[in-house]
Amino acid sequence: MRNAVLIDDADNVVVAIEPISAGSPVAYVNRKGESFELVAADDVPLYHKVARRPIAKGEAVVKYGEYIGLTTQDIVSGAHVHTHNCMSTDGLRAAEEVDHD
């Protein structure tokens, strides 16, 4: 049964539509209706992001087909993607505003 949503096929994360426990399947479909499944590496709260594939440190996080943040560490497939391993674009803009050398 599907427990995550892929918004855009370009996304490297899916959104949990129910809490997902580490070791449980993360099941979703793409826009063509093809089913995919991976294993949750962490507990993932409702409406939080899960990595669809490994995402390298410094790589963009893409959700809704849009760049929403930058990873602060390597993230494995199935990992919870949130503030502990990702900086939002708002955080990047704030850092740029402070650094005016």
Protein backbone atom coordinates (compact mmCIF):
# COMPACT_ATOMS: atom_id res chain seq x y z
CA MET A 1 0.00 0.00 0.00
CA ARG A 2 1.26 3.50 -0.85
CA ASN A 3 2.53 5.49 2.15
CA ALA A 4 4.44 8.27 0.38
CA VAL A 5 3.77 10.73 -2.43
CA LEU A 6 6.06 11.71 -5.29
CA ILE A 7 5.01 15.17 -6.44
CA ASP A 8 7.25 15.53 -9.52
CA ASP A 9 9.38 12.89 -11.25
CA ALA A 10 12.40 15.23 -10.91
CA ASP A 11 12.12 15.12 -7.09
CA ASN A 12 14.82 13.30 -5.16
CA VAL A 13 12.53 13.05 -2.13
CA VAL A 14 9.03 11.73 -1.49
CA VAL A 15 6.64 12.89 1.23
CA ALA A 16 5.39 10.46 3.88
CA ILE A 17 1.57 10.43 4.03
CA GLU A 18 1.66 8.42 7.24
CA PRO A 19 4.37 7.89 9.88
CA ILE A 20 6.93 5.37 8.59
CA SER A 21 9.13 3.23 10.86
CA ALA A 22 12.78 2.51 10.11
CA GLY A 23 13.07 -0.78 8.21
CA SER A 24 9.56 -0.47 6.77
CA PRO A 25 8.79 -0.11 3.08
CA VAL A 26 8.31 3.35 1.58
CA ALA A 27 5.92 2.84 -1.35
CA TYR A 28 4.99 5.45 -3.94
CA VAL A 29 4.04 5.83 -7.61
CA ASN A 30 5.43 8.16 -10.27
CA ARG A 31 3.37 10.27 -12.66
CA LYS A 32 3.20 7.35 -15.12
CA GLY A 33 1.58 5.22 -12.42
CA GLU A 34 4.64 2.98 -11.99
CA SER A 35 5.07 1.68 -8.43
CA PHE A 36 8.33 1.99 -6.50
CA GLU A 37 9.42 0.82 -3.08
CA LEU A 38 12.47 1.42 -0.92
CA VAL A 39 13.27 0.73 2.73
CA ALA A 40 13.10 3.51 5.32
CA ALA A 41 16.52 4.03 6.90
CA ASP A 42 15.02 6.10 9.75
CA ASP A 43 11.71 6.73 11.43
CA VAL A 44 9.92 9.36 9.32
CA PRO A 45 7.12 11.51 10.77
CA LEU A 46 3.93 12.30 8.88
CA TYR A 47 4.46 14.76 5.99
CA HIS A 48 8.26 14.67 6.25
CA LYS A 49 10.60 13.93 3.36
CA VAL A 50 12.31 10.61 2.52
CA ALA A 51 15.29 10.39 0.15
CA ARG A 52 14.39 8.44 -3.03
CA ARG A 53 18.06 7.81 -3.74
CA PRO A 54 21.41 8.67 -2.15
CA ILE A 55 21.91 12.45 -2.05
CA ALA A 56 25.49 13.70 -1.67
CA LYS A 57 26.56 16.43 0.76
CA GLY A 58 26.10 19.79 -0.95
CA GLU A 59 23.55 18.47 -3.46
CA ALA A 60 20.21 20.19 -3.97
CA VAL A 61 17.09 18.72 -2.40
CA VAL A 62 14.31 18.79 -5.00
CA LYS A 63 10.62 18.70 -4.04
CA TYR A 64 7.67 19.82 -6.23
CA GLY A 65 10.23 19.88 -9.06
CA GLU A 66 11.86 22.85 -7.28
CA TYR A 67 15.13 23.31 -5.43
CA ILE A 68 14.14 23.65 -1.75
CA GLY A 69 17.42 23.20 0.06
CA LEU A 70 20.95 21.92 0.18
CA THR A 71 22.16 18.81 1.98
CA THR A 72 24.60 19.36 4.85
CA GLN A 73 25.77 15.73 4.87
CA ASP A 74 25.55 12.62 2.70
CA ILE A 75 22.04 11.14 2.83
CA VAL A 76 21.33 7.48 2.09
CA SER A 77 18.31 6.23 0.17
CA GLY A 78 15.34 5.89 2.51
CA ALA A 79 16.68 8.43 5.04
CA HIS A 80 14.57 11.09 6.72
CA VAL A 81 15.44 14.44 5.07
CA HIS A 82 14.92 17.38 7.42
CA THR A 83 16.78 20.14 9.27
CA HIS A 84 19.34 17.72 10.73
CA ASN A 85 20.76 16.99 7.25
CA CYS A 86 19.39 19.74 5.00
CA MET A 87 19.48 23.55 4.98
CA SER A 88 16.43 25.24 3.48
CA THR A 89 16.74 27.84 0.78
CA ASP A 90 15.50 30.35 3.38
CA GLY A 91 18.54 29.48 5.51
CA LEU A 92 20.81 29.95 2.52
CA ARG A 93 19.32 33.37 1.78
CA ALA A 94 19.70 34.40 5.44
CA ALA A 95 23.36 33.34 5.43
CA GLU A 96 23.96 35.31 2.22
CA GLU A 97 22.34 38.42 3.73
CA VAL A 98 24.64 38.28 6.77
CA ASP A 99 27.85 37.76 4.75
CA HIS A 100 28.38 41.03 2.88
CA ASP A 101 32.18 41.20 2.68
